[in-house]
Amino acid sequence: MRLNSPFAKNLPLKADTFGIVYGPAAETYIAYPKDKSTHNAILLLTDVIGHGFINAQLIADQLAANGYLVVMPDLFHGDPVLLENKPEGFDLMEWLKGHQPERVEPVVDAVIKEMRGKMGVKRLGGVGYCFGAKYVVRNLREGRLDVGFVAHPSFVEADELKAIKGPLSIAAARKYLPLTPFRGPPSLARRYRRKY
């Protein structure tokens, strides 16, 4: 990646999205595959910037273009971290206190229930980035998520990782490993490796 790339600065891309916003449980960005099938789906759980960030929506659209129903809920009840115009003195750790599992997990629960029920999803994968990774790991069990992928995982507890019941792929830079339970040597990821 070039250093002057828009991705290097996490700036919003200039592009059109094709998903729709829906939501009885939580405002949710939904991107359908071309054939409108709902059998194979991805629950996309975002970082603190949230589901309204166009870059996240473009990722959902790309996954849908590859044949998956993609559902990306608002994990933050309308209170994501703003990229621009942050309030003066914004404190991320203070903000996180209002977005703990007891507040986020009911959103994830409701969305999985809707996907597995009314939407007719037969196989469900979870993709979580940073903040969202924790909830992919927590839900990687029978009747919830069948498979998971997490990138730059944050706030994942060792017990959550030990409890997974399906395949999980972890993309984490060595530089950030001290911030997660995926540190070693030997790392928990290696210590609790399972074959599926």
N, C-alpha and C. Protein backbone atom coordinates (compact mmCIF):
# COMPACT_ATOMS: atom_id res chain seq x y z
N MET A 1 0.84 -1.17 0.00
CA MET A 1 0.00 0.00 0.00
C MET A 1 0.89 1.24 0.00
N ARG A 2 0.53 2.20 -0.83
CA ARG A 2 1.27 3.45 -0.87
C ARG A 2 0.96 4.25 0.39
N LEU A 3 1.94 4.98 0.88
CA LEU A 3 1.72 5.77 2.09
C LEU A 3 0.73 6.90 1.88
N ASN A 4 0.58 7.36 0.63
CA ASN A 4 -0.40 8.42 0.38
C ASN A 4 -1.76 7.86 -0.02
N SER A 5 -1.94 6.56 0.15
CA SER A 5 -3.21 5.91 -0.14
C SER A 5 -4.27 6.38 0.85
N PRO A 6 -5.55 6.46 0.42
CA PRO A 6 -6.59 6.84 1.37
C PRO A 6 -6.72 5.83 2.50
N PHE A 7 -6.34 4.57 2.28
CA PHE A 7 -6.44 3.56 3.33
C PHE A 7 -5.43 3.81 4.43
N ALA A 8 -4.29 4.40 4.10
CA ALA A 8 -3.25 4.64 5.10
C ALA A 8 -3.74 5.62 6.17
N LYS A 9 -4.67 6.47 5.81
CA LYS A 9 -5.19 7.48 6.74
C LYS A 9 -6.60 7.16 7.23
N ASN A 10 -7.17 6.03 6.73
CA ASN A 10 -8.53 5.64 7.09
C ASN A 10 -9.54 6.73 6.75
N LEU A 11 -9.32 7.42 5.64
CA LEU A 11 -10.24 8.46 5.19
C LEU A 11 -11.42 7.83 4.47
N PRO A 12 -12.59 8.43 4.53
CA PRO A 12 -13.72 7.89 3.79
C PRO A 12 -13.43 7.88 2.29
N LEU A 13 -13.82 6.80 1.65
CA LEU A 13 -13.67 6.71 0.20
C LEU A 13 -14.81 7.46 -0.46
N LYS A 14 -14.60 7.85 -1.68
CA LYS A 14 -15.66 8.50 -2.46
C LYS A 14 -16.22 7.46 -3.42
N ALA A 15 -17.34 6.87 -3.07
CA ALA A 15 -17.95 5.84 -3.90
C ALA A 15 -19.41 5.69 -3.48
N ASP A 16 -20.17 5.00 -4.32
CA ASP A 16 -21.56 4.74 -4.00
C ASP A 16 -21.69 3.34 -3.41
N THR A 17 -22.58 3.19 -2.46
CA THR A 17 -22.85 1.88 -1.88
C THR A 17 -24.18 1.39 -2.41
N PHE A 18 -24.43 0.08 -2.29
CA PHE A 18 -25.71 -0.42 -2.79
C PHE A 18 -26.53 -1.13 -1.72
N GLY A 19 -26.06 -1.17 -0.49
CA GLY A 19 -26.82 -1.80 0.58
C GLY A 19 -27.99 -0.94 1.01
N ILE A 20 -28.81 -1.50 1.87
CA ILE A 20 -29.97 -0.78 2.40
C ILE A 20 -29.86 -0.71 3.91
N VAL A 21 -30.50 0.26 4.51
CA VAL A 21 -30.51 0.39 5.97
C VAL A 21 -31.88 -0.06 6.47
N TYR A 22 -31.87 -0.92 7.46
CA TYR A 22 -33.07 -1.55 7.97
C TYR A 22 -32.90 -1.73 9.46
N GLY A 23 -33.95 -2.01 10.18
CA GLY A 23 -33.68 -2.39 11.53
C GLY A 23 -34.71 -2.29 12.60
N PRO A 24 -35.41 -3.40 12.90
CA PRO A 24 -36.23 -3.40 14.10
C PRO A 24 -35.37 -3.54 15.36
N ALA A 25 -34.34 -4.38 15.33
CA ALA A 25 -33.49 -4.59 16.51
C ALA A 25 -32.48 -3.46 16.66
N ALA A 26 -31.87 -3.07 15.55
CA ALA A 26 -30.87 -2.00 15.52
C ALA A 26 -30.77 -1.54 14.08
N GLU A 27 -30.43 -0.29 13.88
CA GLU A 27 -30.21 0.15 12.50
C GLU A 27 -29.13 -0.76 11.92
N THR A 28 -29.38 -1.26 10.72
CA THR A 28 -28.53 -2.29 10.14
C THR A 28 -28.33 -2.03 8.66
N TYR A 29 -27.09 -2.14 8.20
CA TYR A 29 -26.77 -2.04 6.78
C TYR A 29 -26.80 -3.46 6.22
N ILE A 30 -27.60 -3.67 5.18
CA ILE A 30 -27.74 -5.00 4.57
C ILE A 30 -27.38 -4.91 3.10
N ALA A 31 -26.50 -5.80 2.66
CA ALA A 31 -26.12 -5.90 1.25
C ALA A 31 -26.44 -7.32 0.77
N TYR A 32 -27.27 -7.41 -0.26
CA TYR A 32 -27.68 -8.70 -0.81
C TYR A 32 -26.79 -9.09 -1.98
N PRO A 33 -26.58 -10.40 -2.15
CA PRO A 33 -25.87 -10.84 -3.35
C PRO A 33 -26.78 -10.64 -4.56
N LYS A 34 -26.20 -10.75 -5.73
CA LYS A 34 -26.95 -10.51 -6.97
C LYS A 34 -28.19 -11.40 -7.07
N ASP A 35 -28.08 -12.65 -6.64
CA ASP A 35 -29.22 -13.57 -6.74
C ASP A 35 -30.21 -13.44 -5.58
N LYS A 36 -29.95 -12.54 -4.64
CA LYS A 36 -30.81 -12.27 -3.47
C LYS A 36 -30.92 -13.45 -2.51
N SER A 37 -30.06 -14.45 -2.65
CA SER A 37 -30.07 -15.60 -1.76
C SER A 37 -29.68 -15.17 -0.34
N THR A 38 -30.29 -15.82 0.63
CA THR A 38 -29.96 -15.55 2.03
C THR A 38 -29.38 -16.79 2.72
N HIS A 39 -29.10 -17.85 1.97
CA HIS A 39 -28.63 -19.10 2.58
C HIS A 39 -27.23 -18.98 3.17
N ASN A 40 -26.32 -18.28 2.49
CA ASN A 40 -24.95 -18.09 2.96
C ASN A 40 -24.78 -16.62 3.32
N ALA A 41 -24.42 -16.37 4.57
CA ALA A 41 -24.40 -14.98 5.03
C ALA A 41 -23.18 -14.68 5.89
N ILE A 42 -22.92 -13.40 6.00
CA ILE A 42 -21.84 -12.89 6.84
C ILE A 42 -22.41 -11.81 7.75
N LEU A 43 -22.14 -11.97 9.04
CA LEU A 43 -22.44 -10.93 10.01
C LEU A 43 -21.16 -10.12 10.16
N LEU A 44 -21.19 -8.87 9.73
CA LEU A 44 -20.01 -8.00 9.73
C LEU A 44 -20.11 -7.06 10.93
N LEU A 45 -19.17 -7.21 11.86
CA LEU A 45 -19.16 -6.42 13.09
C LEU A 45 -17.99 -5.46 13.05
N THR A 46 -18.28 -4.19 13.13
CA THR A 46 -17.32 -3.13 12.82
C THR A 46 -16.45 -2.71 13.99
N ASP A 47 -15.51 -1.86 13.65
CA ASP A 47 -14.72 -1.17 14.66
C ASP A 47 -15.59 -0.04 15.24
N VAL A 48 -15.02 0.81 16.06
CA VAL A 48 -15.78 1.84 16.78
C VAL A 48 -16.34 2.93 15.86
N ILE A 49 -15.89 2.99 14.63
CA ILE A 49 -16.40 4.00 13.69
C ILE A 49 -17.80 3.64 13.23
N GLY A 50 -18.14 2.36 13.25
CA GLY A 50 -19.51 1.93 13.05
C GLY A 50 -19.95 1.60 11.64
N HIS A 51 -21.19 1.16 11.57
CA HIS A 51 -21.78 0.67 10.32
C HIS A 51 -22.09 1.78 9.31
N GLY A 52 -22.15 3.01 9.74
CA GLY A 52 -22.45 4.12 8.83
C GLY A 52 -21.25 4.62 8.05
N PHE A 53 -20.07 4.17 8.41
CA PHE A 53 -18.84 4.60 7.73
C PHE A 53 -18.81 3.98 6.33
N ILE A 54 -18.65 4.80 5.32
CA ILE A 54 -18.74 4.32 3.94
C ILE A 54 -17.71 3.23 3.64
N ASN A 55 -16.53 3.27 4.23
CA ASN A 55 -15.55 2.22 3.97
C ASN A 55 -16.08 0.87 4.44
N ALA A 56 -16.74 0.83 5.59
CA ALA A 56 -17.33 -0.41 6.09
C ALA A 56 -18.45 -0.88 5.16
N GLN A 57 -19.25 0.06 4.68
CA GLN A 57 -20.33 -0.30 3.75
C GLN A 57 -19.78 -0.85 2.43
N LEU A 58 -18.68 -0.30 1.97
CA LEU A 58 -18.08 -0.80 0.73
C LEU A 58 -17.51 -2.21 0.92
N ILE A 59 -17.00 -2.51 2.10
CA ILE A 59 -16.55 -3.88 2.39
C ILE A 59 -17.76 -4.82 2.36
N ALA A 60 -18.86 -4.42 2.98
CA ALA A 60 -20.08 -5.23 2.96
C ALA A 60 -20.54 -5.45 1.52
N ASP A 61 -20.52 -4.41 0.72
CA ASP A 61 -20.93 -4.51 -0.69
C ASP A 61 -20.04 -5.48 -1.46
N GLN A 62 -18.73 -5.43 -1.20
CA GLN A 62 -17.80 -6.32 -1.90
C GLN A 62 -18.05 -7.77 -1.52
N LEU A 63 -18.29 -8.03 -0.24
CA LEU A 63 -18.61 -9.40 0.19
C LEU A 63 -19.91 -9.87 -0.47
N ALA A 64 -20.91 -8.99 -0.55
CA ALA A 64 -22.17 -9.33 -1.21
C ALA A 64 -21.96 -9.60 -2.70
N ALA A 65 -21.09 -8.83 -3.33
CA ALA A 65 -20.80 -9.04 -4.76
C ALA A 65 -20.17 -10.40 -5.01
N ASN A 66 -19.63 -10.99 -3.94
CA ASN A 66 -19.04 -12.33 -4.04
C ASN A 66 -20.00 -13.43 -3.59
N GLY A 67 -21.28 -13.09 -3.48
CA GLY A 67 -22.30 -14.11 -3.28
C GLY A 67 -22.86 -14.28 -1.88
N TYR A 68 -22.56 -13.38 -0.96
CA TYR A 68 -23.03 -13.52 0.42
C TYR A 68 -24.02 -12.42 0.78
N LEU A 69 -25.04 -12.79 1.55
CA LEU A 69 -25.86 -11.79 2.23
C LEU A 69 -24.98 -11.23 3.34
N VAL A 70 -24.90 -9.91 3.46
CA VAL A 70 -24.07 -9.30 4.50
C VAL A 70 -24.94 -8.39 5.36
N VAL A 71 -24.88 -8.61 6.66
CA VAL A 71 -25.66 -7.83 7.61
C VAL A 71 -24.68 -7.17 8.58
N MET A 72 -24.76 -5.84 8.67
CA MET A 72 -23.83 -5.07 9.50
C MET A 72 -24.64 -4.13 10.41
N PRO A 73 -24.85 -4.56 11.66
CA PRO A 73 -25.68 -3.75 12.58
C PRO A 73 -24.92 -2.60 13.23
N ASP A 74 -25.69 -1.65 13.71
CA ASP A 74 -25.16 -0.57 14.54
C ASP A 74 -24.96 -1.13 15.95
N LEU A 75 -23.72 -1.36 16.31
CA LEU A 75 -23.40 -1.91 17.63
C LEU A 75 -23.43 -0.85 18.73
N PHE A 76 -23.54 0.43 18.33
CA PHE A 76 -23.32 1.53 19.27
C PHE A 76 -24.55 2.38 19.56
N HIS A 77 -25.74 1.91 19.16
CA HIS A 77 -26.98 2.62 19.47
C HIS A 77 -26.92 4.08 19.02
N GLY A 78 -26.40 4.29 17.80
CA GLY A 78 -26.33 5.65 17.25
C GLY A 78 -25.21 6.50 17.82
N ASP A 79 -24.25 5.89 18.49
CA ASP A 79 -23.17 6.63 19.13
C ASP A 79 -21.79 6.09 18.73
N PRO A 80 -21.47 6.06 17.42
CA PRO A 80 -20.13 5.61 17.03
C PRO A 80 -19.09 6.70 17.31
N VAL A 81 -17.83 6.31 17.25
CA VAL A 81 -16.75 7.30 17.36
C VAL A 81 -16.69 8.04 16.02
N LEU A 82 -16.68 9.34 16.08
CA LEU A 82 -16.64 10.14 14.87
C LEU A 82 -15.21 10.28 14.37
N LEU A 83 -15.03 10.13 13.05
CA LEU A 83 -13.71 10.34 12.47
C LEU A 83 -13.35 11.82 12.48
N GLU A 84 -14.35 12.62 12.18
CA GLU A 84 -14.15 14.07 12.12
C GLU A 84 -15.06 14.71 13.16
N ASN A 85 -14.74 15.90 13.56
CA ASN A 85 -15.58 16.67 14.49
C ASN A 85 -15.81 15.96 15.82
N LYS A 86 -14.78 15.29 16.32
CA LYS A 86 -14.89 14.69 17.65
C LYS A 86 -15.05 15.81 18.67
N PRO A 87 -15.85 15.58 19.68
CA PRO A 87 -15.97 16.60 20.73
C PRO A 87 -14.62 16.87 21.38
N GLU A 88 -14.39 18.10 21.75
CA GLU A 88 -13.13 18.45 22.42
C GLU A 88 -12.99 17.61 23.68
N GLY A 89 -11.80 17.08 23.87
CA GLY A 89 -11.53 16.26 25.05
C GLY A 89 -12.08 14.86 24.97
N PHE A 90 -12.47 14.41 23.76
CA PHE A 90 -13.01 13.05 23.60
C PHE A 90 -12.04 12.03 24.17
N ASP A 91 -12.56 11.10 24.97
CA ASP A 91 -11.75 10.07 25.62
C ASP A 91 -12.32 8.71 25.21
N LEU A 92 -11.58 7.97 24.38
CA LEU A 92 -12.05 6.69 23.88
C LEU A 92 -12.34 5.72 25.02
N MET A 93 -11.49 5.66 26.02
CA MET A 93 -11.70 4.72 27.11
C MET A 93 -12.98 5.06 27.89
N GLU A 94 -13.27 6.33 28.03
CA GLU A 94 -14.52 6.74 28.68
C GLU A 94 -15.72 6.35 27.81
N TRP A 95 -15.61 6.57 26.49
CA TRP A 95 -16.66 6.21 25.54
C TRP A 95 -16.94 4.71 25.62
N LEU A 96 -15.89 3.90 25.70
CA LEU A 96 -16.04 2.44 25.75
C LEU A 96 -16.87 1.98 26.95
N LYS A 97 -16.85 2.72 28.04
CA LYS A 97 -17.63 2.34 29.22
C LYS A 97 -19.12 2.24 28.91
N GLY A 98 -19.59 2.99 27.93
CA GLY A 98 -20.99 2.94 27.52
C GLY A 98 -21.28 1.91 26.46
N HIS A 99 -20.27 1.12 26.08
CA HIS A 99 -20.43 0.14 25.00
C HIS A 99 -19.81 -1.19 25.40
N GLN A 100 -20.20 -1.65 26.57
CA GLN A 100 -19.72 -2.92 27.11
C GLN A 100 -20.60 -4.07 26.61
N PRO A 101 -20.18 -5.33 26.82
CA PRO A 101 -20.94 -6.47 26.32
C PRO A 101 -22.42 -6.48 26.70
N GLU A 102 -22.76 -6.03 27.90
CA GLU A 102 -24.18 -6.06 28.29
C GLU A 102 -25.03 -5.12 27.42
N ARG A 103 -24.40 -4.18 26.76
CA ARG A 103 -25.11 -3.26 25.87
C ARG A 103 -25.02 -3.70 24.40
N VAL A 104 -23.89 -4.29 24.02
CA VAL A 104 -23.66 -4.69 22.62
C VAL A 104 -24.23 -6.07 22.31
N GLU A 105 -24.06 -7.00 23.23
CA GLU A 105 -24.47 -8.39 22.97
C GLU A 105 -25.95 -8.52 22.62
N PRO A 106 -26.89 -7.77 23.24
CA PRO A 106 -28.29 -7.90 22.84
C PRO A 106 -28.53 -7.53 21.37
N VAL A 107 -27.75 -6.60 20.84
CA VAL A 107 -27.88 -6.25 19.42
C VAL A 107 -27.44 -7.44 18.56
N VAL A 108 -26.28 -7.99 18.90
CA VAL A 108 -25.76 -9.13 18.15
C VAL A 108 -26.73 -10.31 18.25
N ASP A 109 -27.24 -10.57 19.45
CA ASP A 109 -28.21 -11.66 19.65
C ASP A 109 -29.43 -11.49 18.75
N ALA A 110 -30.01 -10.30 18.76
CA ALA A 110 -31.22 -10.05 17.97
C ALA A 110 -30.96 -10.20 16.48
N VAL A 111 -29.82 -9.73 16.02
CA VAL A 111 -29.50 -9.82 14.59
C VAL A 111 -29.28 -11.27 14.18
N ILE A 112 -28.53 -12.03 14.98
CA ILE A 112 -28.33 -13.46 14.65
C ILE A 112 -29.66 -14.19 14.63
N LYS A 113 -30.51 -13.91 15.61
CA LYS A 113 -31.83 -14.56 15.66
C LYS A 113 -32.63 -14.24 14.40
N GLU A 114 -32.62 -12.98 13.98
CA GLU A 114 -33.34 -12.57 12.77
C GLU A 114 -32.74 -13.24 11.53
N MET A 115 -31.41 -13.29 11.46
CA MET A 115 -30.76 -13.91 10.29
C MET A 115 -31.06 -15.40 10.23
N ARG A 116 -30.92 -16.11 11.35
CA ARG A 116 -31.16 -17.55 11.39
C ARG A 116 -32.64 -17.88 11.25
N GLY A 117 -33.50 -16.96 11.64
CA GLY A 117 -34.94 -17.20 11.58
C GLY A 117 -35.58 -16.64 10.32
N LYS A 118 -36.09 -15.43 10.44
CA LYS A 118 -36.86 -14.80 9.37
C LYS A 118 -36.11 -14.70 8.04
N MET A 119 -34.80 -14.44 8.09
CA MET A 119 -34.04 -14.28 6.84
C MET A 119 -33.64 -15.61 6.21
N GLY A 120 -33.75 -16.70 6.94
CA GLY A 120 -33.50 -18.03 6.38
C GLY A 120 -32.04 -18.39 6.15
N VAL A 121 -31.15 -17.81 6.92
CA VAL A 121 -29.72 -18.10 6.76
C VAL A 121 -29.43 -19.52 7.23
N LYS A 122 -28.72 -20.28 6.38
CA LYS A 122 -28.35 -21.66 6.72
C LYS A 122 -26.91 -21.75 7.22
N ARG A 123 -26.01 -20.98 6.60
CA ARG A 123 -24.60 -20.95 7.03
C ARG A 123 -24.23 -19.50 7.30
N LEU A 124 -23.68 -19.27 8.50
CA LEU A 124 -23.41 -17.90 8.94
C LEU A 124 -21.97 -17.75 9.40
N GLY A 125 -21.24 -16.89 8.73
CA GLY A 125 -19.89 -16.56 9.13
C GLY A 125 -19.87 -15.19 9.78
N GLY A 126 -18.93 -15.00 10.69
CA GLY A 126 -18.77 -13.71 11.33
C GLY A 126 -17.44 -13.10 10.94
N VAL A 127 -17.46 -11.81 10.64
CA VAL A 127 -16.24 -11.05 10.36
C VAL A 127 -16.24 -9.88 11.32
N GLY A 128 -15.16 -9.77 12.10
CA GLY A 128 -15.09 -8.69 13.07
C GLY A 128 -13.77 -7.95 12.96
N TYR A 129 -13.87 -6.64 12.98
CA TYR A 129 -12.67 -5.82 12.92
C TYR A 129 -12.54 -5.04 14.23
N CYS A 130 -11.39 -5.12 14.87
CA CYS A 130 -11.07 -4.37 16.07
C CYS A 130 -12.14 -4.61 17.14
N PHE A 131 -12.95 -3.63 17.45
CA PHE A 131 -14.00 -3.75 18.46
C PHE A 131 -14.93 -4.93 18.15
N GLY A 132 -15.34 -5.07 16.90
CA GLY A 132 -16.27 -6.12 16.51
C GLY A 132 -15.73 -7.52 16.64
N ALA A 133 -14.41 -7.67 16.67
CA ALA A 133 -13.79 -8.99 16.77
C ALA A 133 -14.23 -9.73 18.03
N LYS A 134 -14.34 -9.01 19.12
CA LYS A 134 -14.74 -9.62 20.40
C LYS A 134 -16.06 -10.37 20.25
N TYR A 135 -17.00 -9.80 19.52
CA TYR A 135 -18.33 -10.36 19.40
C TYR A 135 -18.39 -11.50 18.38
N VAL A 136 -17.45 -11.54 17.46
CA VAL A 136 -17.32 -12.73 16.61
C VAL A 136 -16.83 -13.89 17.47
N VAL A 137 -15.79 -13.67 18.24
CA VAL A 137 -15.24 -14.72 19.10
C VAL A 137 -16.30 -15.20 20.11
N ARG A 138 -17.00 -14.29 20.74
CA ARG A 138 -18.02 -14.65 21.75
C ARG A 138 -19.16 -15.48 21.16
N ASN A 139 -19.42 -15.33 19.86
CA ASN A 139 -20.57 -16.00 19.24
C ASN A 139 -20.19 -17.16 18.33
N LEU A 140 -18.95 -17.57 18.38
CA LEU A 140 -18.49 -18.69 17.55
C LEU A 140 -18.81 -20.00 18.27
N ARG A 141 -20.09 -20.38 18.15
CA ARG A 141 -20.58 -21.60 18.79
C ARG A 141 -21.83 -22.08 18.07
N GLU A 142 -22.24 -23.29 18.37
CA GLU A 142 -23.36 -23.91 17.67
C GLU A 142 -24.62 -23.07 17.76
N GLY A 143 -25.28 -22.94 16.63
CA GLY A 143 -26.52 -22.17 16.56
C GLY A 143 -26.31 -20.68 16.42
N ARG A 144 -25.07 -20.24 16.47
CA ARG A 144 -24.75 -18.81 16.36
C ARG A 144 -23.94 -18.61 15.07
N LEU A 145 -22.64 -18.47 15.20
CA LEU A 145 -21.76 -18.35 14.03
C LEU A 145 -21.10 -19.69 13.76
N ASP A 146 -21.02 -20.05 12.48
CA ASP A 146 -20.40 -21.32 12.09
C ASP A 146 -18.89 -21.20 11.92
N VAL A 147 -18.42 -20.02 11.55
CA VAL A 147 -17.02 -19.77 11.27
C VAL A 147 -16.75 -18.29 11.53
N GLY A 148 -15.51 -17.96 11.85
CA GLY A 148 -15.20 -16.56 12.12
C GLY A 148 -13.86 -16.13 11.57
N PHE A 149 -13.79 -14.83 11.29
CA PHE A 149 -12.54 -14.18 10.90
C PHE A 149 -12.48 -12.86 11.65
N VAL A 150 -11.33 -12.60 12.28
CA VAL A 150 -11.16 -11.33 12.98
C VAL A 150 -9.85 -10.69 12.56
N ALA A 151 -9.87 -9.38 12.46
CA ALA A 151 -8.68 -8.62 12.11
C ALA A 151 -8.45 -7.56 13.18
N HIS A 152 -7.19 -7.42 13.59
CA HIS A 152 -6.81 -6.44 14.61
C HIS A 152 -7.74 -6.55 15.82
N PRO A 153 -7.87 -7.78 16.39
CA PRO A 153 -8.83 -7.97 17.47
C PRO A 153 -8.49 -7.17 18.72
N SER A 154 -9.52 -6.60 19.32
CA SER A 154 -9.36 -5.81 20.54
C SER A 154 -10.32 -6.31 21.61
N PHE A 155 -9.86 -6.28 22.85
CA PHE A 155 -10.68 -6.57 24.03
C PHE A 155 -11.18 -8.01 24.10
N VAL A 156 -10.58 -8.92 23.34
CA VAL A 156 -10.96 -10.33 23.41
C VAL A 156 -10.30 -10.92 24.65
N GLU A 157 -11.09 -11.57 25.48
CA GLU A 157 -10.60 -12.19 26.71
C GLU A 157 -10.15 -13.62 26.44
N ALA A 158 -9.20 -14.09 27.20
CA ALA A 158 -8.68 -15.45 27.03
C ALA A 158 -9.78 -16.49 27.14
N ASP A 159 -10.69 -16.34 28.11
CA ASP A 159 -11.77 -17.31 28.28
C ASP A 159 -12.70 -17.33 27.07
N GLU A 160 -12.89 -16.19 26.42
CA GLU A 160 -13.73 -16.14 25.22
C GLU A 160 -13.07 -16.92 24.09
N LEU A 161 -11.78 -16.76 23.96
CA LEU A 161 -11.05 -17.49 22.92
C LEU A 161 -11.07 -18.99 23.19
N LYS A 162 -10.91 -19.39 24.44
CA LYS A 162 -10.92 -20.82 24.79
C LYS A 162 -12.27 -21.45 24.52
N ALA A 163 -13.35 -20.68 24.56
CA ALA A 163 -14.71 -21.22 24.44
C ALA A 163 -15.20 -21.38 23.00
N ILE A 164 -14.41 -20.99 22.00
CA ILE A 164 -14.92 -21.07 20.62
C ILE A 164 -15.22 -22.51 20.25
N LYS A 165 -16.22 -22.68 19.38
CA LYS A 165 -16.65 -24.01 18.94
C LYS A 165 -16.68 -24.10 17.41
N GLY A 166 -15.83 -23.36 16.75
CA GLY A 166 -15.76 -23.42 15.29
C GLY A 166 -14.46 -22.83 14.82
N PRO A 167 -14.20 -22.94 13.52
CA PRO A 167 -12.94 -22.41 12.99
C PRO A 167 -12.89 -20.88 13.07
N LEU A 168 -11.71 -20.39 13.46
CA LEU A 168 -11.49 -18.95 13.59
C LEU A 168 -10.14 -18.60 12.95
N SER A 169 -10.15 -17.61 12.09
CA SER A 169 -8.92 -17.08 11.51
C SER A 169 -8.66 -15.72 12.14
N ILE A 170 -7.40 -15.50 12.53
CA ILE A 170 -7.05 -14.26 13.23
C ILE A 170 -5.96 -13.55 12.44
N ALA A 171 -6.21 -12.30 12.06
CA ALA A 171 -5.20 -11.46 11.43
C ALA A 171 -4.83 -10.38 12.43
N ALA A 172 -3.62 -10.50 12.99
CA ALA A 172 -3.18 -9.54 14.00
C ALA A 172 -1.70 -9.25 13.78
N ALA A 173 -1.37 -7.99 13.70
CA ALA A 173 0.03 -7.60 13.53
C ALA A 173 0.78 -7.82 14.83
N ARG A 174 2.01 -8.28 14.75
CA ARG A 174 2.83 -8.54 15.93
C ARG A 174 2.90 -7.30 16.82
N LYS A 175 2.94 -6.13 16.20
CA LYS A 175 3.04 -4.88 16.96
C LYS A 175 1.88 -4.71 17.94
N TYR A 176 0.69 -5.21 17.57
CA TYR A 176 -0.50 -5.01 18.39
C TYR A 176 -0.83 -6.20 19.28
N LEU A 177 -0.09 -7.28 19.19
CA LEU A 177 -0.42 -8.46 19.97
C LEU A 177 -0.46 -8.22 21.48
N PRO A 178 0.37 -7.33 22.04
CA PRO A 178 0.26 -7.11 23.48
C PRO A 178 -1.10 -6.58 23.92
N LEU A 179 -1.90 -6.07 22.99
CA LEU A 179 -3.21 -5.52 23.33
C LEU A 179 -4.30 -6.59 23.33
N THR A 180 -3.95 -7.82 23.01
CA THR A 180 -4.94 -8.89 22.89
C THR A 180 -4.47 -10.11 23.65
N PRO A 181 -5.35 -11.10 23.85
CA PRO A 181 -4.89 -12.34 24.48
C PRO A 181 -4.12 -13.23 23.51
N PHE A 182 -3.91 -12.78 22.28
CA PHE A 182 -3.21 -13.57 21.27
C PHE A 182 -1.71 -13.34 21.36
N ARG A 183 -1.19 -13.21 22.55
CA ARG A 183 0.23 -12.95 22.69
C ARG A 183 0.91 -14.20 23.26
N GLY A 184 2.14 -14.28 23.12
CA GLY A 184 2.87 -15.46 23.56
C GLY A 184 4.23 -15.02 24.03
N PRO A 185 5.22 -15.86 24.05
CA PRO A 185 5.12 -17.23 23.56
C PRO A 185 4.72 -18.18 24.67
N PRO A 186 4.05 -19.32 24.44
CA PRO A 186 3.31 -19.56 23.20
C PRO A 186 1.99 -18.81 23.24
N SER A 187 1.51 -18.40 22.13
CA SER A 187 0.28 -17.60 22.11
C SER A 187 -0.92 -18.47 22.46
N LEU A 188 -1.95 -17.85 22.97
CA LEU A 188 -3.18 -18.59 23.23
C LEU A 188 -3.74 -19.19 21.96
N ALA A 189 -3.59 -18.47 20.86
CA ALA A 189 -4.10 -18.99 19.59
C ALA A 189 -3.46 -20.34 19.27
N ARG A 190 -2.15 -20.47 19.51
CA ARG A 190 -1.49 -21.75 19.25
C ARG A 190 -1.81 -22.76 20.35
N ARG A 191 -1.86 -22.33 21.58
CA ARG A 191 -2.10 -23.22 22.70
C ARG A 191 -3.47 -23.88 22.61
N TYR A 192 -4.46 -23.16 22.08
CA TYR A 192 -5.82 -23.70 22.01
C TYR A 192 -6.23 -24.02 20.58
N ARG A 193 -5.27 -24.29 19.73
CA ARG A 193 -5.55 -24.63 18.34
C ARG A 193 -6.40 -25.90 18.30
N ARG A 194 -7.42 -25.86 17.49
CA ARG A 194 -8.30 -27.02 17.31
C ARG A 194 -8.41 -27.31 15.83
N LYS A 195 -8.65 -28.56 15.49
CA LYS A 195 -8.87 -28.95 14.10
C LYS A 195 -10.35 -29.12 13.86
N TYR A 196 -10.81 -28.67 12.69
CA TYR A 196 -12.21 -28.82 12.33
C TYR A 196 -12.32 -29.54 11.01
